[in-house]
Amino acid sequence: MGYSVGQVAGFAGVTVRTLHHYDDIGLLVPGGRSHAGHRRYGDADLDRLQQILFYRELGFPLEEVAALLDDPDADPREHLRRQHELLTARIEKLRRMAEAVEHAMEARKMGIDLTPEERFEVFGDSDPEQYADEVRERWGNTEAYRQSQRRTASYTKEDWQRVNARQDDIHRRMAALLDSGAPAGSEAAMDVAEEHRRFIADSYYDCGHEMHTCLGEMYVADERFTATYDGIRPGLAAYMRDAIVANAARHTS
C-alpha cells in the first residue's frame, strides 16, 4: 500500500501542504491511492522526493527541478555529479564566509551603546559594523543614513533584540512561502514584503516603495547580501527581491 502523505512528510521533514502542492503541479505524483482515495507513496516516489528536496536546498526553482528530473536523457549518475559540483561550490562559499566573519570579529568597533558581551549576545556571530565604513562612504550624505544613525544611537540591548526578532520572523515567513512554492508575486509574499518595508521604516529610516525596490535589487546584486539571505534559505535573496518589486508595483500602479 506504500506510505501515507503524513508518513512521507515526517520522513522528509516537509509539510503535508508541500506534498499536496507538489502533487497538484505534477512534480511529485504519488504512485498509488488507497481504497479511500488517499495518496500512497512508494519507494520510487521517495527517491524522487529526495532529489526534489536536494535541488530545492541548492536553490533551484520548482520549474527547473521538474525539467531536470523529467529529462528523458538524464542519467541518475549525472544528477549525482551535478549535485556534487554544487555542494563543493557551496562548501567553498561557506569557507570564504567563515573567513569574512573572522576578519569582522577583529574589525574596529563603533558607537552602539552595548557592552561587548551584549553585542555578541544580540548580534551573534555577525558584526553590525562590518561594513560601517562602506555604508558611510556610500550613503553618509543621505537623510536615510542620518535617520538611521539617530534612531539606532539610542537603542538598548532590548531594542536590538526586538528589532532582530522582528527581522528574523519576516525572513522565516518569507522562506516558508518560498518552500511552499508560492509565487513571489502572490498576495502572501507581497504582504510579507510590505511588512519588511514597514519594519525598515519603523526601525531605521523612512523607506518608500521606490527605495525598498532599490534595496531588493541590492540583495541580488551584492553578493554579501545574497549570501546572507541565501544562508537562511537558498534562493531567498532573489525571491525577496521579486516579492518587493511586485509589492511596489501593487502599491504604485
Protein backbone atom coordinates (compact mmCIF):
# COMPACT_ATOMS: atom_id res chain seq x y z
CA MET A 1 0.00 0.00 0.00
CA GLY A 2 3.01 2.33 0.34
CA TYR A 3 3.30 5.28 2.70
CA SER A 4 0.68 7.89 3.57
CA VAL A 5 1.25 11.58 2.90
CA GLY A 6 1.64 12.16 6.64
CA GLN A 7 4.31 9.47 6.93
CA VAL A 8 6.26 10.87 3.96
CA ALA A 9 6.02 14.38 5.38
CA GLY A 10 7.50 13.07 8.62
CA PHE A 11 10.30 11.18 6.83
CA ALA A 12 11.32 14.14 4.70
CA GLY A 13 10.77 16.97 7.17
CA VAL A 14 8.33 18.81 4.92
CA THR A 15 4.69 19.77 5.40
CA VAL A 16 1.72 17.84 4.09
CA ARG A 17 0.75 21.04 2.29
CA THR A 18 4.05 21.00 0.42
CA LEU A 19 3.47 17.41 -0.75
CA HIS A 20 -0.05 18.31 -1.85
CA HIS A 21 1.37 21.23 -3.81
CA TYR A 22 3.99 19.03 -5.49
CA ASP A 23 1.19 16.64 -6.50
CA ASP A 24 -1.01 19.46 -7.79
CA ILE A 25 1.71 20.81 -10.09
CA GLY A 26 2.80 17.35 -11.26
CA LEU A 27 6.23 17.49 -9.67
CA LEU A 28 5.66 14.51 -7.37
CA VAL A 29 2.53 12.49 -8.16
CA PRO A 30 2.22 9.56 -5.75
CA GLY A 31 2.29 6.18 -7.43
CA GLY A 32 -0.85 4.88 -5.79
CA ARG A 33 -4.06 5.57 -3.95
CA SER A 34 -5.76 3.80 -1.06
CA HIS A 35 -9.25 2.35 -1.38
CA ALA A 36 -10.49 5.60 0.15
CA GLY A 37 -8.63 7.64 -2.48
CA HIS A 38 -5.81 8.84 -0.23
CA ARG A 39 -2.32 9.36 -1.61
CA ARG A 40 0.12 6.46 -1.18
CA TYR A 41 3.84 6.85 -1.90
CA GLY A 42 6.19 4.07 -2.98
CA ASP A 43 9.96 3.77 -2.82
CA ALA A 44 10.36 5.33 -6.28
CA ASP A 45 8.32 8.33 -5.09
CA LEU A 46 10.59 8.71 -2.06
CA ASP A 47 13.65 8.62 -4.32
CA ARG A 48 12.17 11.39 -6.47
CA LEU A 49 11.25 13.44 -3.41
CA GLN A 50 14.82 13.16 -2.16
CA GLN A 51 16.07 14.55 -5.48
CA ILE A 52 13.48 17.35 -5.39
CA LEU A 53 14.44 18.42 -1.88
CA PHE A 54 18.12 18.26 -2.70
CA TYR A 55 17.75 20.57 -5.69
CA ARG A 56 15.44 22.87 -3.71
CA GLU A 57 18.04 23.10 -0.95
CA LEU A 58 20.54 24.19 -3.59
CA GLY A 59 18.20 26.99 -4.67
CA PHE A 60 16.65 25.58 -7.85
CA PRO A 61 13.10 26.83 -8.60
CA LEU A 62 10.41 24.15 -8.88
CA GLU A 63 10.08 24.56 -12.65
CA GLU A 64 13.78 23.87 -13.14
CA VAL A 65 13.70 20.91 -10.76
CA ALA A 66 10.88 19.38 -12.81
CA ALA A 67 12.80 19.91 -16.05
CA LEU A 68 15.91 18.29 -14.60
CA LEU A 69 14.14 15.25 -13.19
CA ASP A 70 11.88 14.68 -16.20
CA ASP A 71 14.64 14.93 -18.79
CA PRO A 72 14.36 11.59 -20.66
CA ASP A 73 18.06 11.66 -21.49
CA ALA A 74 19.22 12.29 -17.93
CA ASP A 75 21.36 9.62 -16.29
CA PRO A 76 20.95 9.19 -12.48
CA ARG A 77 24.74 9.46 -12.27
CA GLU A 78 24.53 12.85 -13.96
CA HIS A 79 22.29 14.09 -11.14
CA LEU A 80 24.84 12.91 -8.60
CA ARG A 81 27.71 14.55 -10.48
CA ARG A 82 25.84 17.87 -10.72
CA GLN A 83 24.89 17.76 -7.05
CA HIS A 84 28.49 17.03 -6.05
CA GLU A 85 29.72 20.05 -8.02
CA LEU A 86 27.09 22.30 -6.48
CA LEU A 87 27.87 21.09 -2.97
CA THR A 88 31.59 21.61 -3.50
CA ALA A 89 30.93 25.17 -4.66
CA ARG A 90 28.72 25.83 -1.63
CA ILE A 91 31.35 24.47 0.76
CA GLU A 92 33.91 26.85 -0.74
CA LYS A 93 31.49 29.76 -0.46
CA LEU A 94 30.80 28.95 3.20
CA ARG A 95 34.54 28.74 3.85
CA ARG A 96 35.01 32.24 2.45
CA MET A 97 32.09 33.49 4.54
CA ALA A 98 33.65 31.98 7.66
CA GLU A 99 36.90 33.80 6.91
CA ALA A 100 34.98 37.06 6.46
CA VAL A 101 33.34 36.60 9.85
CA GLU A 102 36.73 36.03 11.47
CA HIS A 103 38.02 39.26 9.96
CA ALA A 104 34.86 41.05 11.06
CA MET A 105 35.43 39.93 14.66
CA GLU A 106 38.71 41.83 14.57
CA ALA A 107 37.24 44.94 12.96
CA ARG A 108 37.15 48.31 14.64
CA LYS A 109 34.15 48.72 16.91
CA MET A 110 31.97 51.79 16.73
CA GLY A 111 29.29 53.58 18.70
CA ILE A 112 26.48 51.15 19.50
CA ASP A 113 25.86 51.63 23.20
CA LEU A 114 26.25 47.99 24.24
CA THR A 115 28.87 46.17 26.24
CA PRO A 116 31.00 43.62 24.32
CA GLU A 117 29.04 40.80 25.96
CA GLU A 118 25.73 42.33 24.95
CA ARG A 119 26.90 42.93 21.39
CA PHE A 120 27.63 39.27 20.86
CA GLU A 121 24.52 38.20 22.71
CA VAL A 122 22.36 40.38 20.49
CA PHE A 123 24.10 40.00 17.13
CA GLY A 124 25.58 36.52 17.44
CA ASP A 125 28.40 35.81 15.00
CA SER A 126 27.67 38.81 12.79
CA ASP A 127 29.25 42.20 13.31
CA PRO A 128 26.90 45.18 12.77
CA GLU A 129 29.91 47.39 11.98
CA GLN A 130 31.44 45.05 9.42
CA TYR A 131 30.54 47.35 6.54
CA ALA A 132 30.17 50.58 8.52
CA ASP A 133 32.91 52.46 6.65
CA GLU A 134 31.49 51.46 3.28
CA VAL A 135 27.96 52.41 4.35
CA ARG A 136 29.18 55.82 5.50
CA GLU A 137 31.05 56.37 2.24
CA ARG A 138 28.11 55.38 0.02
CA TRP A 139 25.18 56.84 1.96
CA GLY A 140 26.63 59.12 4.62
CA ASN A 141 25.23 62.23 2.98
CA THR A 142 21.68 60.91 2.71
CA GLU A 143 18.80 61.67 5.03
CA ALA A 144 18.11 57.93 5.35
CA TYR A 145 21.60 57.40 6.79
CA ARG A 146 21.20 60.28 9.22
CA GLN A 147 17.80 58.99 10.33
CA SER A 148 19.21 55.53 10.92
CA GLN A 149 22.12 56.89 12.93
CA ARG A 150 19.82 59.00 15.10
CA ARG A 151 17.41 56.16 15.81
CA THR A 152 19.89 53.38 16.48
CA ALA A 153 22.22 55.52 18.60
CA SER A 154 19.78 55.26 21.49
CA TYR A 155 18.89 51.58 21.04
CA THR A 156 19.33 49.43 24.12
CA LYS A 157 20.05 45.74 24.23
CA GLU A 158 16.31 45.07 24.46
CA ASP A 159 15.64 47.34 21.46
CA TRP A 160 18.12 45.44 19.33
CA GLN A 161 16.69 42.11 20.43
CA ARG A 162 13.21 43.30 19.45
CA VAL A 163 14.46 44.55 16.06
CA ASN A 164 16.36 41.35 15.32
CA ALA A 165 13.45 39.15 16.39
CA ARG A 166 11.07 41.01 14.09
CA GLN A 167 13.51 40.79 11.20
CA ASP A 168 14.09 37.06 11.78
CA ASP A 169 10.34 36.45 11.83
CA ILE A 170 9.90 38.23 8.49
CA HIS A 171 12.72 36.22 6.94
CA ARG A 172 11.34 32.97 8.36
CA ARG A 173 7.88 33.59 6.92
CA MET A 174 9.24 34.62 3.53
CA ALA A 175 11.40 31.47 3.43
CA ALA A 176 8.35 29.36 4.33
CA LEU A 177 6.44 30.86 1.39
CA LEU A 178 9.37 30.04 -0.89
CA ASP A 179 9.37 26.46 0.44
CA SER A 180 5.63 26.14 -0.17
CA GLY A 181 6.02 27.04 -3.83
CA ALA A 182 4.03 30.27 -3.54
CA PRO A 183 4.99 32.68 -6.37
CA ALA A 184 6.93 35.78 -5.33
CA GLY A 185 4.09 37.83 -6.81
CA SER A 186 1.43 36.13 -4.71
CA GLU A 187 -0.64 38.14 -2.24
CA ALA A 188 1.00 36.32 0.68
CA ALA A 189 4.57 37.08 -0.48
CA MET A 190 3.75 40.71 -1.30
CA ASP A 191 2.17 41.13 2.14
CA VAL A 192 5.37 39.93 3.82
CA ALA A 193 7.40 42.22 1.55
CA GLU A 194 5.24 45.14 2.65
CA GLU A 195 5.80 44.18 6.27
CA HIS A 196 9.53 44.13 5.56
CA ARG A 197 9.33 47.68 4.18
CA ARG A 198 7.43 48.87 7.23
CA PHE A 199 9.94 47.16 9.50
CA ILE A 200 12.76 49.18 7.91
CA ALA A 201 10.72 52.38 8.23
CA ASP A 202 9.90 51.65 11.88
CA SER A 203 13.40 50.57 12.89
CA TYR A 204 15.85 52.57 10.77
CA TYR A 205 14.69 55.20 8.27
CA ASP A 206 11.75 56.27 6.11
CA CYS A 207 11.52 53.69 3.35
CA GLY A 208 9.12 54.26 0.48
CA HIS A 209 8.38 51.66 -2.18
CA GLU A 210 10.94 53.08 -4.61
CA MET A 211 13.71 52.88 -2.03
CA HIS A 212 12.52 49.44 -0.98
CA THR A 213 12.80 48.27 -4.59
CA CYS A 214 16.39 49.54 -4.71
CA LEU A 215 17.13 47.54 -1.56
CA GLY A 216 15.61 44.44 -3.12
CA GLU A 217 17.82 44.79 -6.19
CA MET A 218 20.85 45.18 -3.92
CA TYR A 219 20.01 41.87 -2.20
CA VAL A 220 20.73 40.18 -5.52
CA ALA A 221 23.41 42.47 -6.97
CA ASP A 222 25.66 42.49 -3.88
CA GLU A 223 26.99 39.00 -3.21
CA ARG A 224 27.28 39.76 0.52
CA PHE A 225 23.55 40.40 0.80
CA THR A 226 22.86 37.39 -1.40
CA ALA A 227 24.99 35.20 0.86
CA THR A 228 23.12 36.44 3.93
CA TYR A 229 19.66 35.73 2.52
CA ASP A 230 20.61 32.50 0.75
CA GLY A 231 22.20 31.36 4.00
CA ILE A 232 18.71 31.49 5.51
CA ARG A 233 17.17 29.65 2.56
CA PRO A 234 18.79 29.04 -0.83
CA GLY A 235 17.12 31.27 -3.39
CA LEU A 236 15.69 33.62 -0.77
CA ALA A 237 17.59 36.71 -1.99
CA ALA A 238 16.02 36.58 -5.45
CA TYR A 239 12.63 35.63 -4.01
CA MET A 240 12.75 38.60 -1.62
CA ARG A 241 13.70 40.93 -4.48
CA ASP A 242 10.88 39.67 -6.69
CA ALA A 243 8.31 39.95 -3.88
CA ILE A 244 9.49 43.50 -3.08
CA VAL A 245 9.25 44.54 -6.75
CA ALA A 246 5.77 43.01 -7.07
CA ASN A 247 4.64 44.72 -3.87
CA ALA A 248 5.95 48.09 -5.03
CA ALA A 249 4.10 47.72 -8.32
CA ARG A 250 0.92 46.81 -6.43
CA HIS A 251 1.10 50.00 -4.37
CA THR A 252 2.25 52.41 -7.08
CA SER A 253 0.22 51.27 -10.07
